[in-house]
Protein backbone atom coordinates (compact mmCIF):
# COMPACT_ATOMS: atom_id res chain seq x y z
CA MET A 1 -19.11 9.97 -17.40
CA ILE A 2 -16.65 7.28 -17.65
CA THR A 3 -12.90 7.91 -16.79
CA PRO A 4 -11.20 6.52 -19.94
CA ALA A 5 -7.89 4.26 -19.67
CA PHE A 6 -4.81 6.33 -20.29
CA GLU A 7 -1.43 6.27 -19.81
CA LEU A 8 1.56 9.04 -19.71
CA THR A 9 5.39 9.30 -20.90
CA GLN A 10 7.93 12.00 -21.32
CA ASP A 11 11.02 13.32 -23.13
CA PRO A 12 13.11 15.98 -21.95
CA ASP A 13 10.87 18.62 -24.01
CA PHE A 14 7.33 16.90 -24.08
CA LEU A 15 4.69 15.19 -21.98
CA THR A 16 2.70 12.67 -24.10
CA ILE A 17 -0.71 11.49 -22.82
CA ILE A 18 -2.37 8.47 -24.81
CA ILE A 19 -6.26 8.27 -23.90
CA LYS A 20 -8.11 5.22 -24.97
CA VAL A 21 -11.77 6.15 -25.87
CA PRO A 22 -13.36 3.49 -28.23
CA TYR A 23 -16.74 4.34 -29.92
CA ALA A 24 -16.17 8.47 -29.30
CA ARG A 25 -16.41 10.96 -31.85
CA ALA A 26 -12.91 12.57 -33.10
CA SER A 27 -14.82 15.53 -34.23
CA GLU A 28 -16.73 15.85 -31.00
CA PHE A 29 -14.01 16.27 -28.19
CA ASP A 30 -12.40 19.17 -25.74
CA VAL A 31 -9.00 19.55 -24.41
CA TYR A 32 -8.09 21.81 -21.91
CA PHE A 33 -4.41 22.73 -19.81
CA GLU A 34 -3.02 25.01 -18.04
CA GLY A 35 0.21 25.02 -15.58
CA GLU A 36 -0.67 21.39 -13.60
CA ASP A 37 -4.13 20.93 -14.60
CA PHE A 38 -5.30 18.75 -17.81
CA LYS A 39 -8.84 17.94 -18.82
CA PHE A 40 -10.44 15.90 -21.51
CA TYR A 41 -14.05 15.43 -22.71
CA ALA A 42 -15.48 13.34 -25.25
CA LYS A 43 -18.64 12.01 -24.81
CA PRO A 44 -19.23 9.94 -22.60
CA TYR A 45 -15.89 9.87 -21.35
CA PHE A 46 -14.12 12.51 -19.16
CA LEU A 47 -10.38 12.81 -17.68
CA ARG A 48 -9.27 15.43 -15.13
CA LEU A 49 -5.47 15.16 -14.40
CA THR A 50 -3.32 17.11 -11.70
CA LEU A 51 0.21 16.93 -13.44
CA PRO A 52 3.12 16.44 -11.40
CA GLY A 53 5.02 19.09 -13.20
CA ARG A 54 3.69 22.61 -15.46
CA ILE A 55 2.74 22.55 -19.09
CA VAL A 56 2.56 25.27 -21.46
CA GLU A 57 0.51 26.48 -24.22
CA ASP A 58 2.66 27.69 -26.95
CA GLY A 59 2.39 26.48 -30.70
CA ARG A 60 3.92 23.04 -30.14
CA GLU A 61 1.38 21.03 -28.92
CA LYS A 62 -0.13 18.02 -30.98
CA ALA A 63 -2.79 15.98 -30.73
CA SER A 64 -3.90 12.82 -33.12
CA TYR A 65 -6.59 10.28 -33.02
CA ASN A 66 -5.82 6.71 -34.22
CA THR A 67 -9.40 5.49 -35.52
CA ASP A 68 -8.48 2.19 -35.60
CA LYS A 69 -7.12 1.76 -31.94
CA GLY A 70 -9.98 4.52 -30.57
CA THR A 71 -6.76 6.56 -29.12
CA PHE A 72 -5.91 10.09 -28.56
CA THR A 73 -2.35 10.92 -28.59
CA ILE A 74 -1.77 14.18 -27.06
CA GLN A 75 1.89 15.85 -27.10
CA LEU A 76 2.17 18.86 -24.29
CA PRO A 77 5.21 21.13 -24.26
CA LYS A 78 6.97 21.25 -20.83
CA GLU A 79 7.11 24.42 -19.05
CA ILE A 80 10.68 23.87 -18.09
CA PRO A 81 12.73 22.20 -21.12
CA GLY A 82 14.26 19.21 -19.64
CA GLN A 83 12.38 18.81 -16.66
CA TYR A 84 11.99 15.33 -15.22
CA PHE A 85 7.98 14.69 -14.01
CA GLU A 86 8.48 12.04 -11.25
CA GLY A 87 5.43 9.45 -10.35
CA LEU A 88 3.70 9.47 -14.14
CA ASP A 89 2.61 5.88 -13.20
CA MET A 90 0.96 6.67 -10.32
CA LEU A 91 -2.09 6.92 -12.06
CA THR A 92 -4.74 7.23 -8.75
CA SER A 93 -2.68 10.34 -7.32
CA LEU A 94 -2.87 11.79 -11.03
CA LEU A 95 -6.74 11.36 -11.11
CA ALA A 96 -7.07 13.70 -7.96
CA PRO A 97 -8.23 16.97 -7.90
CA LYS A 98 -5.73 20.12 -7.31
CA LYS A 99 -5.97 20.64 -3.61
CA THR A 100 -7.36 23.81 -3.15
CA ARG A 101 -6.03 26.70 -0.36
CA SER A 102 -8.17 28.15 1.67
CA ALA A 103 -8.39 29.71 5.02
CA LYS A 104 -11.63 28.31 5.97
CA PRO A 105 -11.74 26.50 9.23
CA LEU A 106 -12.59 22.83 8.54
CA VAL A 107 -15.67 23.08 11.33
CA GLU A 108 -17.69 25.58 10.70
CA GLU A 109 -20.57 26.82 13.03
CA ILE A 110 -23.98 27.31 11.16
CA ALA A 111 -27.06 28.33 11.53
CA ALA A 112 -26.13 31.28 13.56
CA SER A 113 -29.26 33.42 12.73
CA ALA A 114 -32.04 35.49 14.30
CA GLU A 115 -33.87 31.90 14.95
CA LEU A 116 -31.28 31.30 17.17
CA SER A 117 -31.52 34.18 19.03
CA GLU A 118 -35.12 33.72 19.55
CA GLU A 119 -34.87 30.38 20.90
CA GLU A 120 -32.10 31.73 23.47
CA GLU A 121 -35.28 34.04 24.66
CA GLU A 122 -37.74 31.33 25.26
CA GLU A 123 -38.08 30.56 29.08
CA PHE A 124 -36.35 27.32 30.16
CA ASP A 125 -38.72 24.23 30.68
CA TRP A 126 -37.50 23.62 34.69
CA GLU A 127 -40.02 20.83 35.12
CA ILE A 128 -38.33 18.77 32.21
CA GLU A 129 -38.18 15.04 33.05
CA GLN A 130 -34.79 13.83 34.42
CA THR A 131 -33.22 10.42 34.27
CA PRO A 132 -31.07 9.01 37.29
CA TYR A 133 -27.17 8.62 36.53
CA ASN A 134 -26.64 5.00 36.25
CA GLU A 135 -22.79 4.53 36.44
CA SER A 136 -23.25 0.58 36.15
CA ALA A 137 -24.43 1.18 32.83
CA GLU A 138 -21.35 3.70 31.58
CA SER A 139 -19.07 0.95 33.05
CA THR A 140 -20.27 -1.53 30.90
CA LEU A 141 -19.37 -0.12 27.61
CA LEU A 142 -16.45 -1.40 26.50
CA PRO A 143 -13.37 -0.22 24.76
CA GLN A 144 -12.68 -0.56 21.16
CA TYR A 145 -9.41 -1.22 20.04
CA CYS A 146 -8.18 0.16 16.30
CA TYR A 147 -6.45 -1.89 13.78
CA GLY A 148 -5.96 -2.11 9.53
CA PHE A 149 -3.93 0.90 7.93
CA GLY A 150 -2.57 3.22 10.15
CA ASN A 151 -4.60 1.82 13.15
CA LEU A 152 -7.67 3.79 11.56
CA ARG A 153 -10.36 1.04 11.78
CA SER A 154 -12.28 -0.50 14.62
CA GLY A 155 -15.55 -2.32 15.19
CA VAL A 156 -14.89 -4.37 11.62
CA PHE A 157 -14.86 -7.83 13.10
CA GLN A 158 -18.02 -7.28 15.14
CA ARG A 159 -19.88 -7.36 11.71
CA LEU A 160 -18.04 -10.41 10.38
CA GLN A 161 -18.20 -12.80 13.29
CA ASP A 162 -18.58 -15.93 10.51
CA GLU A 163 -15.26 -14.91 8.40
CA LEU A 164 -13.13 -13.99 11.59
CA SER A 165 -11.35 -17.27 11.93
CA ASP A 166 -10.92 -17.66 8.16
CA VAL A 167 -8.97 -14.48 7.94
CA ILE A 168 -6.90 -13.87 11.12
CA ASP A 169 -5.86 -15.61 14.30
CA ILE A 170 -6.81 -13.27 17.01
CA LYS A 171 -9.84 -13.62 18.48
CA ASP A 172 -12.09 -10.51 19.31
CA PRO A 173 -9.82 -8.00 18.14
CA ASP A 174 -12.04 -5.16 18.77
CA GLN A 175 -11.53 -5.87 22.44
CA THR A 176 -8.01 -6.80 22.23
CA PRO A 177 -5.13 -4.06 23.09
CA VAL A 178 -2.09 -4.35 20.88
CA ASP A 179 0.30 -5.58 23.57
CA GLU A 180 -2.07 -8.61 23.97
CA ARG A 181 -2.36 -9.32 20.54
CA ARG A 182 1.64 -9.46 20.95
CA ARG A 183 1.78 -11.84 23.93
CA LYS A 184 -0.74 -14.15 22.58
CA ARG A 185 1.10 -14.09 18.79
CA LEU A 186 4.27 -15.05 20.73
CA ALA A 187 2.40 -17.79 22.73
CA ALA A 188 1.12 -19.32 19.59
CA GLU A 189 4.22 -19.22 17.74
CA THR A 190 6.34 -20.65 20.39
CA ALA A 191 3.43 -23.55 20.64
CA LYS A 192 3.36 -24.32 16.85
CA PHE A 193 7.30 -24.20 16.49
CA GLY A 194 8.37 -27.83 15.65
CA PRO A 195 12.05 -28.99 16.03
CA ASP A 196 11.33 -32.22 13.73
CA HIS A 197 10.29 -30.16 11.15
CA TYR A 198 12.95 -27.42 11.27
CA LEU A 199 15.46 -29.86 11.64
CA ALA A 200 14.50 -31.85 8.79
CA ASP A 201 13.86 -28.63 6.37
CA LEU A 202 17.64 -27.87 7.59
CA PHE A 203 19.32 -31.15 6.61
CA GLU A 204 16.89 -32.04 3.71
CA ASP A 205 17.13 -28.76 1.68
CA GLU A 206 17.61 -29.70 -2.09
CA ALA A 207 13.96 -28.35 -2.68
CA ILE A 208 14.54 -25.44 -0.74
CA GLN A 209 18.03 -24.87 -2.46
CA HIS A 210 16.36 -25.18 -5.93
CA VAL A 211 13.88 -22.31 -5.23
CA LEU A 212 16.55 -20.34 -3.92
CA LYS A 213 18.15 -19.98 -7.49
CA TYR A 214 14.77 -18.19 -8.72
CA LYS A 215 15.21 -14.68 -9.77
CA PRO A 216 11.98 -12.64 -9.39
CA TRP A 217 11.24 -9.63 -11.60
CA TRP A 218 13.10 -7.14 -9.06
CA VAL A 219 16.28 -9.02 -9.15
CA ASP A 220 17.16 -7.77 -12.68
CA ALA A 221 15.76 -4.27 -12.05
CA HIS A 222 17.70 -3.87 -9.27
CA LYS A 223 20.59 -4.51 -11.18
CA LYS A 224 19.89 -2.38 -13.64
CA MET A 225 19.38 0.44 -11.49
CA THR A 226 22.71 -0.25 -9.33
CA ALA A 227 24.73 -0.55 -12.72
CA LEU A 228 23.63 2.95 -13.52
CA GLN A 229 24.17 4.77 -10.10
CA GLY A 230 27.01 6.57 -11.81
CA GLU A 231 25.12 8.33 -13.98
CA SER A 232 23.70 11.79 -13.39
CA HIS A 233 20.71 12.20 -11.29
CA GLN A 234 18.80 13.49 -14.58
CA GLU A 235 19.78 10.83 -16.59
CA HIS A 236 19.57 8.24 -14.12
CA ASP A 237 15.26 9.36 -13.23
CA THR A 238 14.74 8.89 -17.20
CA HIS A 239 15.34 5.06 -16.92
CA THR A 240 12.21 2.94 -16.00
CA PHE A 241 13.19 0.09 -14.27
CA VAL A 242 9.68 -0.77 -13.02
CA VAL A 243 6.72 -1.32 -15.91
CA PHE A 244 3.23 -1.69 -15.09
CA SER A 245 0.87 -4.03 -16.81
CA GLU A 246 -2.67 -3.00 -18.51
CA GLU A 247 -3.83 -5.14 -16.16
CA GLU A 248 -2.10 -3.06 -13.16
CA ARG A 249 -3.33 0.03 -14.54
CA GLU A 250 -6.62 -0.73 -14.52
CA GLN A 251 -6.10 -1.62 -10.93
CA LEU A 252 -4.86 1.72 -10.28
CA ARG A 253 -7.84 3.83 -12.27
CA LYS A 254 -10.12 1.69 -9.88
CA PHE A 255 -9.16 2.94 -6.68
CA THR A 256 -10.66 5.95 -5.37
CA ASN A 257 -8.16 8.38 -4.21
CA LYS A 258 -8.32 9.40 -1.20
CA SER A 259 -6.06 11.58 1.67
CA PHE A 260 -4.75 9.73 5.11
CA PHE A 261 -4.33 12.05 8.20
CA LEU A 262 -1.39 10.14 10.34
CA ASP A 263 0.16 11.41 12.84
CA LYS A 264 3.87 10.74 13.28
CA ARG A 265 3.55 7.76 15.24
CA SER A 266 1.15 6.21 12.86
CA ARG A 267 3.21 6.71 9.98
CA HIS A 268 6.01 4.97 11.48
CA HIS A 269 3.21 1.87 12.12
CA VAL A 270 2.29 2.00 8.11
CA TYR A 271 5.85 2.11 7.17
CA LEU A 272 6.94 -1.02 9.63
CA GLY A 273 3.57 -2.68 8.34
CA LEU A 274 4.30 -2.34 5.01
CA ILE A 275 7.83 -4.03 5.39
CA ASP A 276 6.16 -7.05 7.16
CA ILE A 277 3.71 -7.29 4.25
CA LEU A 278 6.41 -7.55 1.63
CA LEU A 279 8.56 -10.06 3.41
CA ALA A 280 5.82 -12.49 3.65
CA TYR A 281 5.02 -11.70 -0.21
CA CYS A 282 8.68 -12.21 -1.10
CA TYR A 283 8.53 -15.69 0.74
CA GLU A 284 5.43 -16.52 -1.09
CA ILE A 285 6.94 -15.39 -4.73
CA CYS A 286 10.22 -17.22 -4.05
CA ILE A 287 9.00 -20.64 -2.40
CA ASN A 288 6.70 -20.77 -5.54
CA GLU A 289 9.04 -19.17 -8.28
CA GLY A 290 6.49 -16.68 -9.41
CA ASP A 291 3.24 -18.98 -9.82
CA LYS A 292 0.37 -18.48 -7.81
CA ASN A 293 -1.43 -21.58 -6.26
CA VAL A 294 -3.99 -22.51 -3.30
CA GLU A 295 -1.61 -21.91 -0.88
CA SER A 296 -0.39 -18.48 -1.92
CA CYS A 297 -3.20 -16.05 -0.18
CA TRP A 298 -2.46 -18.22 3.00
CA ASN A 299 1.42 -17.86 3.20
CA VAL A 300 1.19 -14.16 2.78
CA ARG A 301 -1.66 -13.60 5.23
CA LYS A 302 0.05 -16.17 7.72
CA LEU A 303 3.74 -14.50 7.53
CA SER A 304 2.54 -11.72 8.04
CA ALA A 305 1.55 -10.53 11.51
CA THR A 306 0.28 -7.21 10.48
CA LEU A 307 -2.17 -9.25 8.46
CA CYS A 308 -2.69 -12.37 10.42
CA TRP A 309 -2.79 -10.57 14.11
CA LEU A 310 -3.22 -7.14 13.63
CA ASP A 311 -0.06 -6.03 14.91
CA SER A 312 1.38 -2.87 15.23
CA PHE A 313 5.17 -2.73 15.07
CA THR A 314 7.46 -0.16 16.53
CA SER A 315 11.01 -1.06 15.35
CA ILE A 316 12.61 -2.86 12.16
CA HIS A 317 14.11 -5.57 14.50
CA ASP A 318 10.65 -6.48 15.77
CA VAL A 319 9.13 -6.89 12.21
CA LEU A 320 12.42 -8.61 11.09
CA VAL A 321 12.31 -11.08 14.40
CA SER A 322 8.38 -11.71 13.82
CA PHE A 323 8.44 -12.70 10.24
CA GLY A 324 11.69 -14.76 11.04
CA ARG A 325 9.58 -17.07 13.75
CA ARG A 326 6.66 -17.11 11.61
CA VAL A 327 8.64 -18.58 8.56
CA LEU A 328 10.17 -21.29 11.13
CA CYS A 329 6.88 -22.28 12.28
CA TYR A 330 3.90 -22.04 10.12
CA PRO A 331 4.67 -22.76 6.36
CA LEU A 332 5.14 -26.03 4.40
CA HIS A 333 9.24 -25.15 3.62
CA ARG A 334 10.67 -24.01 7.24
CA HIS A 335 14.26 -23.15 6.23
CA PHE A 336 16.48 -19.96 7.35
CA GLY A 337 17.60 -19.35 3.93
CA LEU A 338 14.22 -18.41 2.98
CA VAL A 339 14.01 -16.04 5.93
CA THR A 340 17.09 -14.32 4.55
CA ARG A 341 15.99 -14.21 1.18
CA ALA A 342 13.03 -12.64 1.63
CA PHE A 343 15.35 -9.71 3.76
CA ASN A 344 17.28 -9.59 0.78
CA ASP A 345 14.26 -9.20 -1.57
CA THR A 346 12.62 -6.89 0.24
CA VAL A 347 15.77 -4.45 0.65
CA MET A 348 15.99 -4.68 -3.17
CA ILE A 349 12.14 -3.48 -4.07
CA LEU A 350 12.68 -0.84 -1.48
CA GLN A 351 15.60 0.29 -2.97
CA LEU A 352 13.98 0.38 -6.46
CA GLY A 353 11.31 3.00 -4.88
CA LYS A 354 7.60 3.56 -4.92
CA ALA A 355 6.73 1.86 -8.32
CA ALA A 356 8.41 -1.46 -7.29
CA VAL A 357 6.53 -1.38 -3.73
CA LEU A 358 3.22 -0.55 -5.63
CA LYS A 359 3.45 -3.12 -8.22
CA CYS A 360 4.20 -5.74 -5.61
CA LEU A 361 1.08 -4.37 -3.48
CA LEU A 362 -1.20 -4.54 -6.72
CA ASP A 363 -0.26 -8.38 -6.93
CA ILE A 364 -1.05 -9.04 -3.16
CA HIS A 365 -4.48 -7.12 -4.00
CA LYS A 366 -5.61 -9.19 -6.60
CA MET A 367 -4.49 -12.29 -4.60
CA PHE A 368 -6.59 -11.52 -2.26
CA MET A 369 -9.56 -10.10 -4.08
CA GLU A 370 -9.70 -13.56 -5.82
CA ASN A 371 -9.71 -15.63 -2.68
CA ASP A 372 -13.37 -15.36 -0.04
CA PRO A 373 -12.90 -13.82 2.40
CA ALA A 374 -9.36 -12.59 2.40
CA TYR A 375 -10.88 -9.46 0.22
CA ILE A 376 -11.40 -8.40 4.08
CA LEU A 377 -7.66 -7.81 4.14
CA ASN A 378 -7.86 -5.69 1.29
CA ASP A 379 -10.38 -3.42 2.68
CA LEU A 380 -8.19 -3.10 5.81
CA PHE A 381 -5.03 -2.78 4.43
CA VAL A 382 -3.78 -3.39 1.16
CA THR A 383 -6.18 -0.96 -0.84
CA ASP A 384 -5.31 1.86 1.54
CA TYR A 385 -1.06 0.99 1.15
CA CYS A 386 -1.95 1.00 -2.86
CA ILE A 387 -3.47 4.57 -2.72
CA TRP A 388 -1.02 5.80 0.19
CA ILE A 389 2.20 4.72 -1.22
CA GLN A 390 1.75 6.97 -4.37
CA LYS A 391 2.01 9.91 -2.43
CA ALA A 392 4.41 8.40 -0.14
CA ASN A 393 7.79 10.17 0.80
CA CYS A 394 10.36 8.74 -1.35
CA LEU A 395 13.28 10.04 1.19
CA LYS A 396 11.73 8.15 3.93
CA LEU A 397 10.66 4.89 2.20
CA HIS A 398 14.90 5.20 1.54
CA VAL A 399 15.29 5.95 5.24
CA LYS A 400 13.48 2.84 6.07
CA CYS A 401 14.88 1.04 3.14
CA GLY A 402 18.73 1.92 4.79
CA GLY A 403 17.76 1.24 8.40
CA MET A 404 16.27 -2.49 7.21
CA PHE A 405 19.69 -3.09 4.86
CA ASP A 406 21.87 -1.95 8.14
CA PHE A 407 19.98 -4.13 10.44
CA VAL A 408 20.12 -7.44 7.80
CA SER A 409 23.69 -7.04 6.96
CA MET A 410 24.62 -7.63 10.97
CA LEU A 411 22.72 -10.76 11.11
CA PRO A 412 24.81 -13.85 12.23
CA SER A 413 23.99 -17.25 10.50
CA GLU A 414 22.87 -18.45 14.03
CA TRP A 415 20.22 -15.81 14.42
CA GLN A 416 17.99 -18.63 12.98
CA LEU A 417 17.99 -20.39 16.37
CA LEU A 418 17.49 -17.13 18.91
CA LEU A 419 14.70 -16.68 16.78
CA VAL A 420 12.64 -19.48 18.08
CA ARG A 421 14.36 -19.83 21.58
CA SER A 422 13.56 -16.16 22.32
CA PRO A 423 10.55 -13.89 21.69
CA GLU A 424 12.43 -11.10 22.73
CA VAL A 425 15.63 -11.32 20.40
């Protein structure tokens, strides 16, 4: 079965689903909907959605087929008129099957039958061959340290030794704990910092002042959102500040939905890692004024300690210090104005919400996918972030955003010098 391209829109009373099914027979299709469930079948297309709100069959539902475009348009009444359905643009999440509630244990004991009782009656073989215990063999086993999204991966780079140096800076990450990764990162940054390069960019900054005037899409979107803050919550929700292109929708449909079982500490690392990646992305967008080039992938990877050193942060403070240091050490343009610009841009993206974050992550995903071997970072981080953010708690995202905004607002202009002088700043 083929999952068709689809999109959802809404008004106060209806949910509209547009499904693209070229070459399907309009006379041979089935639609089922009840509550939060929606199913559509038109050979060879099949679509199953779990909706963020309930719909009802009351005679007002409508369906039409456009033969020229090959699209079905299905209009379904909302069970509660005026209710706002959140997350209609989170396509990967909508494709997930409805969660089933069950009291069954996650691990079941099987084969507990008469065969087992017969085996228990067999006489134990006391003459079984024995192997002497070898303590040295146990001690030679090296520990495996984790990394990636939520620190859920390990052993990846043992299989990818040839690509290792082209993707990350840390050597042998599978046997390097996080604290040691951070010590090595700070030492590398200190060694890399060039005072002459920094001073040249500080005093001869015409080109930098020019790119600082560039306004990416989220600036206008944030202005519109701010202008509407005085409206009621319902009126505010009906405005769409972030629009996904058809290419981005296709990216979302290709992701395989999955769940992430993260404890409180892992979730904290995930949120901070997201901020770190967004900071690097905002620098790249600003410095190249939205146009991609051969250095774009390198900029994002190099400026994010999460991606480049597989670091796991514990505070907003550490994230911002790390990013500021790396901007002043590695890229072609090393100016603190670019650091604060990235800070402010990231705050705007987070304030716009999950859709804005997802749009940026999709752009990073595409960037890495087109660069060999940076696609490995998609497997380790970005793909999971794209899936996870669609289900993330909006309140927690705003809390992280608020913490970052408060910290950025207190930064003195002289802070740029402290970034390089002291790793503990």
